[in-house]
């Protein structure tokens, strides 16, 4: 998820009238909804010139999407001055450690975690460096959220794997279990 700032205000009514496939109902939501098919992203565009762009699978895809949005606006007569400022707010990623994780033991030994298996099957771990939150499951699969750069995701996965291994909280997946998947 990223924010994009255009250093200008936008006429959302004019955009709705001239650009096809745009949703704008200011009584329901103050922003205009612009969906791109390729890359598949959604942009919420506000009259202040700010946008929120979600759905990109990489930083590269995000930049490509923003360029395509700007190009589409220009194509339909919306004047865009200057270059958009893109700021990544949050990267959400998934990973698989390919090991089983003993979450009870990890919950006891790791700091900054929350594990309530009756409420949610994953352990929630708040990492300080990089500053991300990991949802870790006993299958070794995880969701990483809060990163601002793609390399922070890789660093977080490596750090949590090393820490879990050091605390003896991981064990190899049995061959039979792998075959079932």
C-alpha atoms as a PDB file:
ATOM      1  CA  UNK A   1       0.000   0.000   0.000  1.00  0.00           C
ATOM      2  CA  UNK A   2       1.360   3.388  -0.935  1.00  0.00           C
ATOM      3  CA  UNK A   3       0.383   7.019  -0.875  1.00  0.00           C
ATOM      4  CA  UNK A   4       0.918   9.168  -3.920  1.00  0.00           C
ATOM      5  CA  UNK A   5       0.935  12.939  -3.727  1.00  0.00           C
ATOM      6  CA  UNK A   6       0.244  15.189  -6.694  1.00  0.00           C
ATOM      7  CA  UNK A   7       1.097  18.778  -5.806  1.00  0.00           C
ATOM      8  CA  UNK A   8      -2.319  20.030  -6.982  1.00  0.00           C
ATOM      9  CA  UNK A   9      -6.020  19.664  -6.310  1.00  0.00           C
ATOM     10  CA  UNK A  10      -8.215  17.569  -8.601  1.00  0.00           C
ATOM     11  CA  UNK A  11     -11.761  17.995  -9.885  1.00  0.00           C
ATOM     12  CA  UNK A  12     -13.223  14.582  -9.080  1.00  0.00           C
ATOM     13  CA  UNK A  13     -16.559  15.420 -10.752  1.00  0.00           C
ATOM     14  CA  UNK A  14     -14.753  16.211 -14.033  1.00  0.00           C
ATOM     15  CA  UNK A  15     -12.779  12.986 -13.719  1.00  0.00           C
ATOM     16  CA  UNK A  16     -15.949  10.966 -13.141  1.00  0.00           C
ATOM     17  CA  UNK A  17     -17.596  12.513 -16.219  1.00  0.00           C
ATOM     18  CA  UNK A  18     -14.646  11.994 -18.567  1.00  0.00           C
ATOM     19  CA  UNK A  19     -12.926   8.762 -17.467  1.00  0.00           C
ATOM     20  CA  UNK A  20     -14.712   5.419 -17.939  1.00  0.00           C
ATOM     21  CA  UNK A  21     -14.960   2.756 -15.205  1.00  0.00           C
ATOM     22  CA  UNK A  22     -14.529   5.163 -12.299  1.00  0.00           C
ATOM     23  CA  UNK A  23     -16.700   5.017  -9.187  1.00  0.00           C
ATOM     24  CA  UNK A  24     -17.474   8.260  -7.412  1.00  0.00           C
ATOM     25  CA  UNK A  25     -20.241   8.773  -4.873  1.00  0.00           C
ATOM     26  CA  UNK A  26     -19.210  11.617  -2.563  1.00  0.00           C
ATOM     27  CA  UNK A  27     -22.222  10.968  -0.293  1.00  0.00           C
ATOM     28  CA  UNK A  28     -20.771   7.520   0.499  1.00  0.00           C
ATOM     29  CA  UNK A  29     -17.001   8.172   0.322  1.00  0.00           C
ATOM     30  CA  UNK A  30     -15.003  11.365  -0.361  1.00  0.00           C
ATOM     31  CA  UNK A  31     -12.607   9.685  -2.791  1.00  0.00           C
ATOM     32  CA  UNK A  32     -12.922   8.455  -6.326  1.00  0.00           C
ATOM     33  CA  UNK A  33     -12.249   4.746  -6.942  1.00  0.00           C
ATOM     34  CA  UNK A  34     -10.068   3.983  -9.957  1.00  0.00           C
ATOM     35  CA  UNK A  35      -9.359   0.333 -10.772  1.00  0.00           C
ATOM     36  CA  UNK A  36      -6.610  -0.743 -13.147  1.00  0.00           C
ATOM     37  CA  UNK A  37      -6.641  -4.202 -14.713  1.00  0.00           C
ATOM     38  CA  UNK A  38      -2.940  -4.307 -15.630  1.00  0.00           C
ATOM     39  CA  UNK A  39      -1.278  -4.207 -13.136  1.00  0.00           C
ATOM     40  CA  UNK A  40      -4.268  -5.092 -10.972  1.00  0.00           C
ATOM     41  CA  UNK A  41      -4.409  -2.232  -8.475  1.00  0.00           C
ATOM     42  CA  UNK A  42      -7.019   0.046  -6.965  1.00  0.00           C
ATOM     43  CA  UNK A  43      -6.423   3.736  -6.413  1.00  0.00           C
ATOM     44  CA  UNK A  44      -8.479   5.936  -4.128  1.00  0.00           C
ATOM     45  CA  UNK A  45      -8.081   9.458  -5.490  1.00  0.00           C
ATOM     46  CA  UNK A  46      -8.952  12.506  -3.388  1.00  0.00           C
ATOM     47  CA  UNK A  47      -9.580  16.114  -4.445  1.00  0.00           C
ATOM     48  CA  UNK A  48      -6.495  17.166  -2.452  1.00  0.00           C
ATOM     49  CA  UNK A  49      -4.366  15.400  -5.080  1.00  0.00           C
ATOM     50  CA  UNK A  50      -3.541  12.532  -2.737  1.00  0.00           C
ATOM     51  CA  UNK A  51      -4.016   8.898  -3.748  1.00  0.00           C
ATOM     52  CA  UNK A  52      -3.900   5.609  -1.891  1.00  0.00           C
ATOM     53  CA  UNK A  53      -2.811   2.733  -4.144  1.00  0.00           C
ATOM     54  CA  UNK A  54      -3.274  -0.900  -3.101  1.00  0.00           C
ATOM     55  CA  UNK A  55      -2.822  -4.284  -4.737  1.00  0.00           C
ATOM     56  CA  UNK A  56       0.635  -3.993  -6.341  1.00  0.00           C
ATOM     57  CA  UNK A  57       2.767  -7.117  -5.954  1.00  0.00           C
ATOM     58  CA  UNK A  58       6.113  -5.279  -5.950  1.00  0.00           C
ATOM     59  CA  UNK A  59       7.617  -1.802  -5.803  1.00  0.00           C
ATOM     60  CA  UNK A  60       8.287  -2.026  -9.537  1.00  0.00           C
ATOM     61  CA  UNK A  61       4.627  -2.896 -10.219  1.00  0.00           C
ATOM     62  CA  UNK A  62       3.501  -0.028  -7.969  1.00  0.00           C
ATOM     63  CA  UNK A  63       5.556   2.511  -9.950  1.00  0.00           C
ATOM     64  CA  UNK A  64       4.235   1.083 -13.229  1.00  0.00           C
ATOM     65  CA  UNK A  65       0.653   1.372 -11.920  1.00  0.00           C
ATOM     66  CA  UNK A  66       1.080   4.997 -10.820  1.00  0.00           C
ATOM     67  CA  UNK A  67       2.552   5.886 -14.237  1.00  0.00           C
ATOM     68  CA  UNK A  68      -0.411   4.212 -15.942  1.00  0.00           C
ATOM     69  CA  UNK A  69      -2.918   6.050 -13.720  1.00  0.00           C
ATOM     70  CA  UNK A  70      -1.271   9.421 -14.492  1.00  0.00           C
ATOM     71  CA  UNK A  71      -1.150   8.567 -18.215  1.00  0.00           C
ATOM     72  CA  UNK A  72      -4.880   7.677 -18.150  1.00  0.00           C
ATOM     73  CA  UNK A  73      -5.783  10.921 -16.356  1.00  0.00           C
ATOM     74  CA  UNK A  74      -3.822  12.941 -18.930  1.00  0.00           C
ATOM     75  CA  UNK A  75      -5.381  10.975 -21.814  1.00  0.00           C
ATOM     76  CA  UNK A  76      -8.827  12.105 -20.644  1.00  0.00           C
ATOM     77  CA  UNK A  77      -7.863  15.757 -20.345  1.00  0.00           C
ATOM     78  CA  UNK A  78      -6.976  15.964 -16.662  1.00  0.00           C
ATOM     79  CA  UNK A  79      -3.965  18.271 -16.354  1.00  0.00           C
ATOM     80  CA  UNK A  80      -1.257  16.864 -14.094  1.00  0.00           C
ATOM     81  CA  UNK A  81       1.576  19.224 -13.202  1.00  0.00           C
ATOM     82  CA  UNK A  82       4.839  17.943 -11.815  1.00  0.00           C
ATOM     83  CA  UNK A  83       5.919  14.471 -10.853  1.00  0.00           C
ATOM     84  CA  UNK A  84       3.947  12.319  -8.400  1.00  0.00           C
ATOM     85  CA  UNK A  85       5.612  11.603  -5.041  1.00  0.00           C
ATOM     86  CA  UNK A  86       5.235   7.918  -4.148  1.00  0.00           C
ATOM     87  CA  UNK A  87       5.676   6.705  -0.586  1.00  0.00           C
ATOM     88  CA  UNK A  88       5.251   3.058   0.372  1.00  0.00           C
ATOM     89  CA  UNK A  89       3.315   2.836   3.634  1.00  0.00           C
ATOM     90  CA  UNK A  90       3.006  -0.917   4.127  1.00  0.00           C
ATOM     91  CA  UNK A  91       4.124  -4.120   2.442  1.00  0.00           C
ATOM     92  CA  UNK A  92       2.236  -7.318   3.228  1.00  0.00           C
ATOM     93  CA  UNK A  93       3.980 -10.541   2.243  1.00  0.00           C
ATOM     94  CA  UNK A  94       3.759 -14.266   2.895  1.00  0.00           C
ATOM     95  CA  UNK A  95       6.575 -16.743   3.426  1.00  0.00           C
ATOM     96  CA  UNK A  96       7.084 -20.422   4.130  1.00  0.00           C
ATOM     97  CA  UNK A  97       9.936 -21.587   6.364  1.00  0.00           C
ATOM     98  CA  UNK A  98       9.419 -25.235   5.255  1.00  0.00           C
ATOM     99  CA  UNK A  99       9.621 -26.436   8.869  1.00  0.00           C
ATOM    100  CA  UNK A 100       7.107 -27.067  11.638  1.00  0.00           C
ATOM    101  CA  UNK A 101       7.137 -24.466  14.386  1.00  0.00           C
ATOM    102  CA  UNK A 102       6.411 -25.262  18.029  1.00  0.00           C
ATOM    103  CA  UNK A 103       4.306 -22.182  18.763  1.00  0.00           C
ATOM    104  CA  UNK A 104       3.817 -22.970  22.479  1.00  0.00           C
ATOM    105  CA  UNK A 105       7.578 -23.038  23.011  1.00  0.00           C
ATOM    106  CA  UNK A 106       8.128 -19.984  20.781  1.00  0.00           C
ATOM    107  CA  UNK A 107       5.457 -18.035  22.696  1.00  0.00           C
ATOM    108  CA  UNK A 108       7.231 -18.847  25.956  1.00  0.00           C
ATOM    109  CA  UNK A 109      10.748 -17.988  24.724  1.00  0.00           C
ATOM    110  CA  UNK A 110      10.238 -15.075  22.323  1.00  0.00           C
ATOM    111  CA  UNK A 111       9.715 -11.535  23.579  1.00  0.00           C
ATOM    112  CA  UNK A 112       7.106  -9.177  22.082  1.00  0.00           C
ATOM    113  CA  UNK A 113       4.655 -11.886  21.088  1.00  0.00           C
ATOM    114  CA  UNK A 114       1.030 -12.796  21.555  1.00  0.00           C
ATOM    115  CA  UNK A 115      -0.291 -16.323  21.229  1.00  0.00           C
ATOM    116  CA  UNK A 116      -3.874 -17.262  22.071  1.00  0.00           C
ATOM    117  CA  UNK A 117      -4.526 -20.506  20.139  1.00  0.00           C
ATOM    118  CA  UNK A 118      -8.185 -20.552  21.254  1.00  0.00           C
ATOM    119  CA  UNK A 119      -8.642 -17.162  19.554  1.00  0.00           C
ATOM    120  CA  UNK A 120      -6.284 -17.363  16.560  1.00  0.00           C
ATOM    121  CA  UNK A 121      -4.031 -20.222  15.361  1.00  0.00           C
ATOM    122  CA  UNK A 122      -0.974 -18.047  14.733  1.00  0.00           C
ATOM    123  CA  UNK A 123       1.620 -16.452  16.969  1.00  0.00           C
ATOM    124  CA  UNK A 124       1.826 -12.681  16.533  1.00  0.00           C
ATOM    125  CA  UNK A 125       5.432 -11.495  16.825  1.00  0.00           C
ATOM    126  CA  UNK A 126       6.471  -7.841  16.807  1.00  0.00           C
ATOM    127  CA  UNK A 127      10.017  -7.508  15.492  1.00  0.00           C
ATOM    128  CA  UNK A 128      12.009  -4.346  16.225  1.00  0.00           C
ATOM    129  CA  UNK A 129      14.585  -4.578  13.418  1.00  0.00           C
ATOM    130  CA  UNK A 130      13.196  -4.445  10.833  1.00  0.00           C
ATOM    131  CA  UNK A 131      10.047  -2.995  12.400  1.00  0.00           C
ATOM    132  CA  UNK A 132       7.444  -5.510  11.196  1.00  0.00           C
ATOM    133  CA  UNK A 133       4.749  -7.795  12.579  1.00  0.00           C
ATOM    134  CA  UNK A 134       4.832 -11.507  11.730  1.00  0.00           C
ATOM    135  CA  UNK A 135       1.929 -13.924  12.000  1.00  0.00           C
ATOM    136  CA  UNK A 136       3.642 -17.293  12.398  1.00  0.00           C
ATOM    137  CA  UNK A 137       1.769 -20.587  12.014  1.00  0.00           C
ATOM    138  CA  UNK A 138       2.782 -24.070  13.177  1.00  0.00           C
ATOM    139  CA  UNK A 139       3.070 -25.153   9.516  1.00  0.00           C
ATOM    140  CA  UNK A 140       5.992 -22.739   9.102  1.00  0.00           C
ATOM    141  CA  UNK A 141       3.923 -20.418   6.947  1.00  0.00           C
ATOM    142  CA  UNK A 142       3.744 -16.766   7.900  1.00  0.00           C
ATOM    143  CA  UNK A 143       2.438 -13.351   6.973  1.00  0.00           C
ATOM    144  CA  UNK A 144       4.722 -10.326   7.322  1.00  0.00           C
ATOM    145  CA  UNK A 145       3.240  -6.844   7.526  1.00  0.00           C
ATOM    146  CA  UNK A 146       4.518  -3.336   8.193  1.00  0.00           C
ATOM    147  CA  UNK A 147       7.624  -3.357   6.000  1.00  0.00           C
ATOM    148  CA  UNK A 148       8.357  -0.245   3.949  1.00  0.00           C
ATOM    149  CA  UNK A 149      10.880  -1.915   1.621  1.00  0.00           C
ATOM    150  CA  UNK A 150      11.010  -5.376   0.044  1.00  0.00           C
ATOM    151  CA  UNK A 151      14.454  -6.127   1.538  1.00  0.00           C
ATOM    152  CA  UNK A 152      12.968  -5.667   5.038  1.00  0.00           C
ATOM    153  CA  UNK A 153      10.677  -8.649   4.366  1.00  0.00           C
ATOM    154  CA  UNK A 154      13.623 -10.910   3.473  1.00  0.00           C
ATOM    155  CA  UNK A 155      15.587  -9.699   6.490  1.00  0.00           C
ATOM    156  CA  UNK A 156      12.627 -10.343   8.836  1.00  0.00           C
ATOM    157  CA  UNK A 157      12.084 -13.888   7.518  1.00  0.00           C
ATOM    158  CA  UNK A 158      15.776 -14.746   7.895  1.00  0.00           C
ATOM    159  CA  UNK A 159      15.947 -13.234  11.401  1.00  0.00           C
ATOM    160  CA  UNK A 160      12.844 -15.056  12.677  1.00  0.00           C
ATOM    161  CA  UNK A 161      13.974 -18.367  11.178  1.00  0.00           C
ATOM    162  CA  UNK A 162      17.416 -18.023  12.802  1.00  0.00           C
ATOM    163  CA  UNK A 163      15.852 -17.033  16.144  1.00  0.00           C
ATOM    164  CA  UNK A 164      13.342 -19.926  16.113  1.00  0.00           C
ATOM    165  CA  UNK A 165      16.128 -22.380  15.217  1.00  0.00           C
ATOM    166  CA  UNK A 166      18.366 -20.973  17.976  1.00  0.00           C
ATOM    167  CA  UNK A 167      15.518 -21.448  20.500  1.00  0.00           C
ATOM    168  CA  UNK A 168      14.952 -25.005  19.200  1.00  0.00           C
ATOM    169  CA  UNK A 169      11.366 -24.192  18.147  1.00  0.00           C
ATOM    170  CA  UNK A 170      11.563 -25.677  14.634  1.00  0.00           C
ATOM    171  CA  UNK A 171      11.674 -29.225  13.342  1.00  0.00           C
ATOM    172  CA  UNK A 172      11.851 -30.569   9.822  1.00  0.00           C
ATOM    173  CA  UNK A 173       8.589 -31.464   8.138  1.00  0.00           C
ATOM    174  CA  UNK A 174       8.201 -35.236   8.002  1.00  0.00           C
ATOM    175  CA  UNK A 175       8.347 -36.646   4.459  1.00  0.00           C
ATOM    176  CA  UNK A 176       4.815 -38.064   4.783  1.00  0.00           C
ATOM    177  CA  UNK A 177       3.449 -34.621   5.679  1.00  0.00           C
ATOM    178  CA  UNK A 178       5.168 -33.072   2.646  1.00  0.00           C
ATOM    179  CA  UNK A 179       3.624 -35.688   0.336  1.00  0.00           C
ATOM    180  CA  UNK A 180       0.117 -34.960   1.638  1.00  0.00           C
ATOM    181  CA  UNK A 181       0.428 -31.286   0.637  1.00  0.00           C
END
